[in-house]
Amino acid sequence: MKKIEAIIKPFKLDDVKEALFEIGISGITVSEVKGHGRQQGHTELYRGAEYVVDFLPKVKIELVVKEEDVERVIETISKSARTGKIGDGKIFVLPVEKVIRIRTGEEDEEAI
């Protein structure tokens, strides 16, 4: 099993969620986060004063999938989140040692 974390632009969340649902992935966790990469934020003007916005709003999607679904999920997120502009985000894939469904006690693949 693998945990996939994707940091995307907030306005792409619905597209990603729908694309994942279409390939049979329905269990996701979504968090509003802030950050920056190469983009390094930007300067804005407010009431005549300039200020730097260091951390930009992003959305973090987390899901745990079977090993055989990883590439399909990565491809789906990449296609549906891509705008072609800087700041589209990143996808991270991490190993998952164990999953337990609290309600039933099911473990590992039966629990995801």
N, C-alpha and C. Protein backbone atom coordinates (compact mmCIF):
# COMPACT_ATOMS: atom_id res chain seq x y z
N MET A 1 0.84 -1.18 0.00
CA MET A 1 0.00 0.00 0.00
C MET A 1 0.89 1.24 0.00
N LYS A 2 0.34 2.30 -0.59
CA LYS A 2 1.07 3.56 -0.68
C LYS A 2 0.15 4.70 -0.28
N LYS A 3 0.74 5.71 0.34
CA LYS A 3 0.02 6.94 0.62
C LYS A 3 0.44 7.95 -0.43
N ILE A 4 -0.54 8.56 -1.07
CA ILE A 4 -0.27 9.58 -2.07
C ILE A 4 -0.72 10.91 -1.49
N GLU A 5 0.20 11.87 -1.49
CA GLU A 5 -0.11 13.22 -1.06
C GLU A 5 0.09 14.14 -2.26
N ALA A 6 -0.90 14.94 -2.56
CA ALA A 6 -0.80 15.87 -3.68
C ALA A 6 -1.10 17.27 -3.18
N ILE A 7 -0.24 18.21 -3.53
CA ILE A 7 -0.45 19.62 -3.22
C ILE A 7 -0.85 20.28 -4.54
N ILE A 8 -2.05 20.85 -4.58
CA ILE A 8 -2.58 21.41 -5.83
C ILE A 8 -3.15 22.80 -5.61
N LYS A 9 -3.48 23.47 -6.71
CA LYS A 9 -4.15 24.76 -6.63
C LYS A 9 -5.59 24.53 -6.18
N PRO A 10 -6.10 25.39 -5.30
CA PRO A 10 -7.44 25.18 -4.75
C PRO A 10 -8.55 25.06 -5.79
N PHE A 11 -8.49 25.83 -6.85
CA PHE A 11 -9.57 25.79 -7.84
C PHE A 11 -9.58 24.50 -8.67
N LYS A 12 -8.55 23.67 -8.54
CA LYS A 12 -8.50 22.40 -9.27
C LYS A 12 -9.04 21.23 -8.44
N LEU A 13 -9.42 21.49 -7.19
CA LEU A 13 -9.88 20.41 -6.31
C LEU A 13 -11.06 19.64 -6.88
N ASP A 14 -12.08 20.33 -7.34
CA ASP A 14 -13.26 19.63 -7.87
C ASP A 14 -12.91 18.76 -9.07
N ASP A 15 -12.05 19.26 -9.95
CA ASP A 15 -11.62 18.48 -11.12
C ASP A 15 -10.90 17.20 -10.69
N VAL A 16 -10.00 17.33 -9.72
CA VAL A 16 -9.24 16.18 -9.24
C VAL A 16 -10.16 15.19 -8.56
N LYS A 17 -11.04 15.68 -7.69
CA LYS A 17 -11.97 14.82 -6.96
C LYS A 17 -12.85 14.03 -7.93
N GLU A 18 -13.39 14.70 -8.93
CA GLU A 18 -14.25 14.02 -9.91
C GLU A 18 -13.47 13.00 -10.73
N ALA A 19 -12.25 13.33 -11.12
CA ALA A 19 -11.42 12.41 -11.91
C ALA A 19 -11.07 11.17 -11.08
N LEU A 20 -10.76 11.35 -9.80
CA LEU A 20 -10.47 10.20 -8.94
C LEU A 20 -11.71 9.33 -8.76
N PHE A 21 -12.86 9.95 -8.59
CA PHE A 21 -14.11 9.20 -8.44
C PHE A 21 -14.40 8.37 -9.69
N GLU A 22 -14.11 8.94 -10.87
CA GLU A 22 -14.34 8.23 -12.13
C GLU A 22 -13.49 6.97 -12.26
N ILE A 23 -12.31 6.93 -11.62
CA ILE A 23 -11.47 5.72 -11.70
C ILE A 23 -11.67 4.82 -10.48
N GLY A 24 -12.69 5.13 -9.66
CA GLY A 24 -13.03 4.26 -8.55
C GLY A 24 -12.37 4.58 -7.23
N ILE A 25 -11.76 5.75 -7.12
CA ILE A 25 -11.13 6.16 -5.87
C ILE A 25 -12.05 7.17 -5.19
N SER A 26 -12.58 6.80 -4.02
CA SER A 26 -13.52 7.71 -3.36
C SER A 26 -13.04 8.16 -1.98
N GLY A 27 -12.12 7.45 -1.37
CA GLY A 27 -11.67 7.80 -0.04
C GLY A 27 -10.49 8.75 -0.07
N ILE A 28 -10.75 10.04 0.14
CA ILE A 28 -9.66 11.03 0.16
C ILE A 28 -9.83 11.94 1.36
N THR A 29 -8.73 12.52 1.77
CA THR A 29 -8.75 13.55 2.82
C THR A 29 -8.21 14.83 2.19
N VAL A 30 -8.87 15.94 2.46
CA VAL A 30 -8.49 17.22 1.88
C VAL A 30 -8.23 18.22 3.00
N SER A 31 -7.12 18.95 2.89
CA SER A 31 -6.78 19.99 3.85
C SER A 31 -6.41 21.27 3.10
N GLU A 32 -6.80 22.40 3.68
CA GLU A 32 -6.34 23.68 3.14
C GLU A 32 -4.99 23.97 3.77
N VAL A 33 -4.00 24.23 2.93
CA VAL A 33 -2.64 24.48 3.40
C VAL A 33 -2.09 25.73 2.72
N LYS A 34 -0.94 26.19 3.18
CA LYS A 34 -0.25 27.31 2.54
C LYS A 34 1.19 26.92 2.35
N GLY A 35 1.79 27.43 1.28
CA GLY A 35 3.19 27.13 1.04
C GLY A 35 3.68 27.78 -0.23
N HIS A 36 4.94 27.48 -0.54
CA HIS A 36 5.51 27.94 -1.81
C HIS A 36 6.67 27.05 -2.17
N GLY A 37 6.93 26.99 -3.45
CA GLY A 37 8.07 26.28 -3.97
C GLY A 37 8.91 27.27 -4.74
N ARG A 38 9.17 26.98 -5.99
CA ARG A 38 9.93 27.90 -6.84
C ARG A 38 9.21 29.22 -7.05
N GLN A 39 7.93 29.16 -6.92
CA GLN A 39 7.06 30.31 -7.14
C GLN A 39 7.42 31.47 -6.20
N GLN A 40 7.85 31.17 -4.98
CA GLN A 40 8.32 32.15 -4.00
C GLN A 40 7.31 33.23 -3.65
N GLY A 41 6.04 32.99 -3.80
CA GLY A 41 5.04 33.99 -3.44
C GLY A 41 4.99 35.12 -4.46
N HIS A 42 4.37 36.22 -4.07
CA HIS A 42 4.26 37.37 -4.96
C HIS A 42 4.01 38.64 -4.15
N THR A 43 4.13 39.79 -4.81
CA THR A 43 3.92 41.08 -4.16
C THR A 43 2.53 41.59 -4.51
N GLU A 44 1.83 42.12 -3.50
CA GLU A 44 0.51 42.69 -3.73
C GLU A 44 0.48 44.12 -3.21
N LEU A 45 -0.47 44.87 -3.70
CA LEU A 45 -0.64 46.26 -3.29
C LEU A 45 -1.94 46.34 -2.50
N TYR A 46 -1.88 46.87 -1.28
CA TYR A 46 -3.07 47.02 -0.45
C TYR A 46 -3.07 48.41 0.17
N ARG A 47 -4.06 49.21 -0.17
CA ARG A 47 -4.19 50.59 0.34
C ARG A 47 -2.91 51.40 0.13
N GLY A 48 -2.33 51.22 -1.04
CA GLY A 48 -1.16 51.98 -1.42
C GLY A 48 0.16 51.43 -0.90
N ALA A 49 0.12 50.38 -0.12
CA ALA A 49 1.35 49.80 0.42
C ALA A 49 1.59 48.44 -0.21
N GLU A 50 2.83 48.17 -0.56
CA GLU A 50 3.20 46.86 -1.12
C GLU A 50 3.54 45.91 0.02
N TYR A 51 3.13 44.67 -0.14
CA TYR A 51 3.54 43.66 0.80
C TYR A 51 3.72 42.34 0.07
N VAL A 52 4.55 41.47 0.63
CA VAL A 52 4.88 40.20 0.00
C VAL A 52 4.01 39.10 0.59
N VAL A 53 3.37 38.33 -0.27
CA VAL A 53 2.62 37.16 0.14
C VAL A 53 3.56 35.98 -0.04
N ASP A 54 4.16 35.53 1.07
CA ASP A 54 5.16 34.45 1.01
C ASP A 54 4.52 33.08 0.78
N PHE A 55 3.44 32.82 1.48
CA PHE A 55 2.81 31.50 1.39
C PHE A 55 1.48 31.62 0.66
N LEU A 56 1.36 30.84 -0.39
CA LEU A 56 0.16 30.88 -1.21
C LEU A 56 -0.81 29.78 -0.79
N PRO A 57 -2.13 30.03 -0.91
CA PRO A 57 -3.09 29.00 -0.55
C PRO A 57 -3.02 27.81 -1.51
N LYS A 58 -3.01 26.63 -0.95
CA LYS A 58 -2.99 25.38 -1.71
C LYS A 58 -3.95 24.41 -1.06
N VAL A 59 -4.19 23.28 -1.71
CA VAL A 59 -4.99 22.20 -1.15
C VAL A 59 -4.12 20.96 -1.13
N LYS A 60 -4.17 20.23 -0.02
CA LYS A 60 -3.43 18.98 0.11
C LYS A 60 -4.44 17.84 0.10
N ILE A 61 -4.25 16.91 -0.83
CA ILE A 61 -5.09 15.72 -0.94
C ILE A 61 -4.28 14.53 -0.47
N GLU A 62 -4.85 13.72 0.39
CA GLU A 62 -4.17 12.52 0.87
C GLU A 62 -5.07 11.31 0.63
N LEU A 63 -4.48 10.23 0.14
CA LEU A 63 -5.21 9.00 -0.05
C LEU A 63 -4.26 7.81 0.05
N VAL A 64 -4.79 6.69 0.50
CA VAL A 64 -4.02 5.46 0.57
C VAL A 64 -4.62 4.49 -0.43
N VAL A 65 -3.75 3.93 -1.27
CA VAL A 65 -4.22 3.04 -2.34
C VAL A 65 -3.39 1.76 -2.37
N LYS A 66 -3.95 0.76 -3.05
CA LYS A 66 -3.20 -0.48 -3.28
C LYS A 66 -2.04 -0.19 -4.22
N GLU A 67 -1.01 -0.97 -4.10
CA GLU A 67 0.20 -0.80 -4.91
C GLU A 67 -0.12 -0.73 -6.41
N GLU A 68 -1.04 -1.58 -6.87
CA GLU A 68 -1.34 -1.63 -8.30
C GLU A 68 -2.11 -0.41 -8.81
N ASP A 69 -2.66 0.41 -7.91
CA ASP A 69 -3.41 1.60 -8.31
C ASP A 69 -2.57 2.87 -8.34
N VAL A 70 -1.35 2.80 -7.85
CA VAL A 70 -0.53 4.00 -7.66
C VAL A 70 -0.32 4.78 -8.96
N GLU A 71 0.14 4.14 -10.00
CA GLU A 71 0.45 4.86 -11.25
C GLU A 71 -0.80 5.48 -11.87
N ARG A 72 -1.91 4.76 -11.80
CA ARG A 72 -3.17 5.26 -12.35
C ARG A 72 -3.64 6.50 -11.58
N VAL A 73 -3.49 6.48 -10.27
CA VAL A 73 -3.89 7.62 -9.44
C VAL A 73 -2.98 8.81 -9.71
N ILE A 74 -1.68 8.58 -9.80
CA ILE A 74 -0.73 9.66 -10.09
C ILE A 74 -1.07 10.31 -11.44
N GLU A 75 -1.31 9.49 -12.43
CA GLU A 75 -1.64 10.01 -13.76
C GLU A 75 -2.94 10.82 -13.73
N THR A 76 -3.93 10.32 -13.00
CA THR A 76 -5.22 11.00 -12.91
C THR A 76 -5.08 12.36 -12.22
N ILE A 77 -4.35 12.40 -11.11
CA ILE A 77 -4.15 13.67 -10.41
C ILE A 77 -3.36 14.63 -11.28
N SER A 78 -2.29 14.14 -11.91
CA SER A 78 -1.46 15.00 -12.75
C SER A 78 -2.27 15.65 -13.87
N LYS A 79 -3.05 14.85 -14.57
CA LYS A 79 -3.83 15.37 -15.70
C LYS A 79 -4.90 16.36 -15.24
N SER A 80 -5.59 16.03 -14.15
CA SER A 80 -6.72 16.87 -13.74
C SER A 80 -6.30 18.12 -12.97
N ALA A 81 -5.08 18.14 -12.41
CA ALA A 81 -4.62 19.31 -11.65
C ALA A 81 -3.74 20.25 -12.48
N ARG A 82 -3.29 19.80 -13.64
CA ARG A 82 -2.34 20.58 -14.44
C ARG A 82 -3.00 21.79 -15.10
N THR A 83 -2.34 22.95 -14.94
CA THR A 83 -2.74 24.15 -15.67
C THR A 83 -1.65 24.55 -16.66
N GLY A 84 -0.44 24.02 -16.44
CA GLY A 84 0.68 24.38 -17.29
C GLY A 84 1.44 25.60 -16.80
N LYS A 85 1.01 26.14 -15.68
CA LYS A 85 1.65 27.33 -15.13
C LYS A 85 2.38 26.98 -13.85
N ILE A 86 3.32 27.82 -13.47
CA ILE A 86 4.08 27.59 -12.25
C ILE A 86 3.12 27.51 -11.06
N GLY A 87 3.44 26.62 -10.12
CA GLY A 87 2.61 26.46 -8.93
C GLY A 87 1.54 25.40 -9.04
N ASP A 88 1.59 24.56 -10.09
CA ASP A 88 0.59 23.50 -10.24
C ASP A 88 0.65 22.50 -9.08
N GLY A 89 1.80 22.34 -8.45
CA GLY A 89 1.87 21.49 -7.27
C GLY A 89 2.83 20.34 -7.41
N LYS A 90 2.72 19.43 -6.45
CA LYS A 90 3.59 18.26 -6.38
C LYS A 90 2.78 17.06 -5.94
N ILE A 91 3.29 15.86 -6.26
CA ILE A 91 2.71 14.60 -5.78
C ILE A 91 3.82 13.84 -5.08
N PHE A 92 3.52 13.34 -3.88
CA PHE A 92 4.46 12.55 -3.11
C PHE A 92 3.87 11.16 -2.90
N VAL A 93 4.71 10.14 -2.99
CA VAL A 93 4.27 8.76 -2.76
C VAL A 93 5.10 8.19 -1.62
N LEU A 94 4.41 7.69 -0.60
CA LEU A 94 5.08 7.18 0.60
C LEU A 94 4.60 5.75 0.89
N PRO A 95 5.45 4.92 1.47
CA PRO A 95 5.01 3.57 1.84
C PRO A 95 4.09 3.62 3.06
N VAL A 96 3.14 2.69 3.11
CA VAL A 96 2.23 2.56 4.26
C VAL A 96 2.42 1.16 4.82
N GLU A 97 2.77 1.08 6.08
CA GLU A 97 3.02 -0.21 6.70
C GLU A 97 1.75 -0.91 7.15
N LYS A 98 0.78 -0.16 7.65
CA LYS A 98 -0.42 -0.78 8.19
C LYS A 98 -1.57 0.20 8.16
N VAL A 99 -2.77 -0.33 7.91
CA VAL A 99 -4.00 0.45 7.96
C VAL A 99 -4.99 -0.34 8.80
N ILE A 100 -5.68 0.34 9.70
CA ILE A 100 -6.70 -0.31 10.53
C ILE A 100 -7.96 0.53 10.49
N ARG A 101 -9.08 -0.09 10.13
CA ARG A 101 -10.37 0.60 10.18
C ARG A 101 -10.85 0.51 11.63
N ILE A 102 -11.00 1.64 12.28
CA ILE A 102 -11.33 1.67 13.70
C ILE A 102 -12.67 0.99 13.98
N ARG A 103 -13.68 1.26 13.17
CA ARG A 103 -15.03 0.74 13.41
C ARG A 103 -15.09 -0.77 13.42
N THR A 104 -14.42 -1.41 12.45
CA THR A 104 -14.56 -2.87 12.29
C THR A 104 -13.33 -3.66 12.68
N GLY A 105 -12.19 -3.00 12.77
CA GLY A 105 -10.96 -3.72 13.07
C GLY A 105 -10.30 -4.31 11.83
N GLU A 106 -10.92 -4.09 10.64
CA GLU A 106 -10.31 -4.58 9.40
C GLU A 106 -8.93 -3.98 9.24
N GLU A 107 -8.06 -4.74 8.60
CA GLU A 107 -6.68 -4.28 8.45
C GLU A 107 -6.23 -4.27 7.00
N ASP A 108 -5.25 -3.43 6.74
CA ASP A 108 -4.54 -3.31 5.47
C ASP A 108 -5.49 -3.09 4.30
N GLU A 109 -5.39 -3.86 3.22
CA GLU A 109 -6.18 -3.56 2.01
C GLU A 109 -7.67 -3.62 2.25
N GLU A 110 -8.12 -4.47 3.18
CA GLU A 110 -9.56 -4.52 3.49
C GLU A 110 -10.03 -3.25 4.16
N ALA A 111 -9.11 -2.51 4.75
CA ALA A 111 -9.48 -1.29 5.49
C ALA A 111 -9.45 -0.02 4.64
N ILE A 112 -8.92 -0.12 3.39
CA ILE A 112 -8.88 1.12 2.58
C ILE A 112 -9.97 1.21 1.58
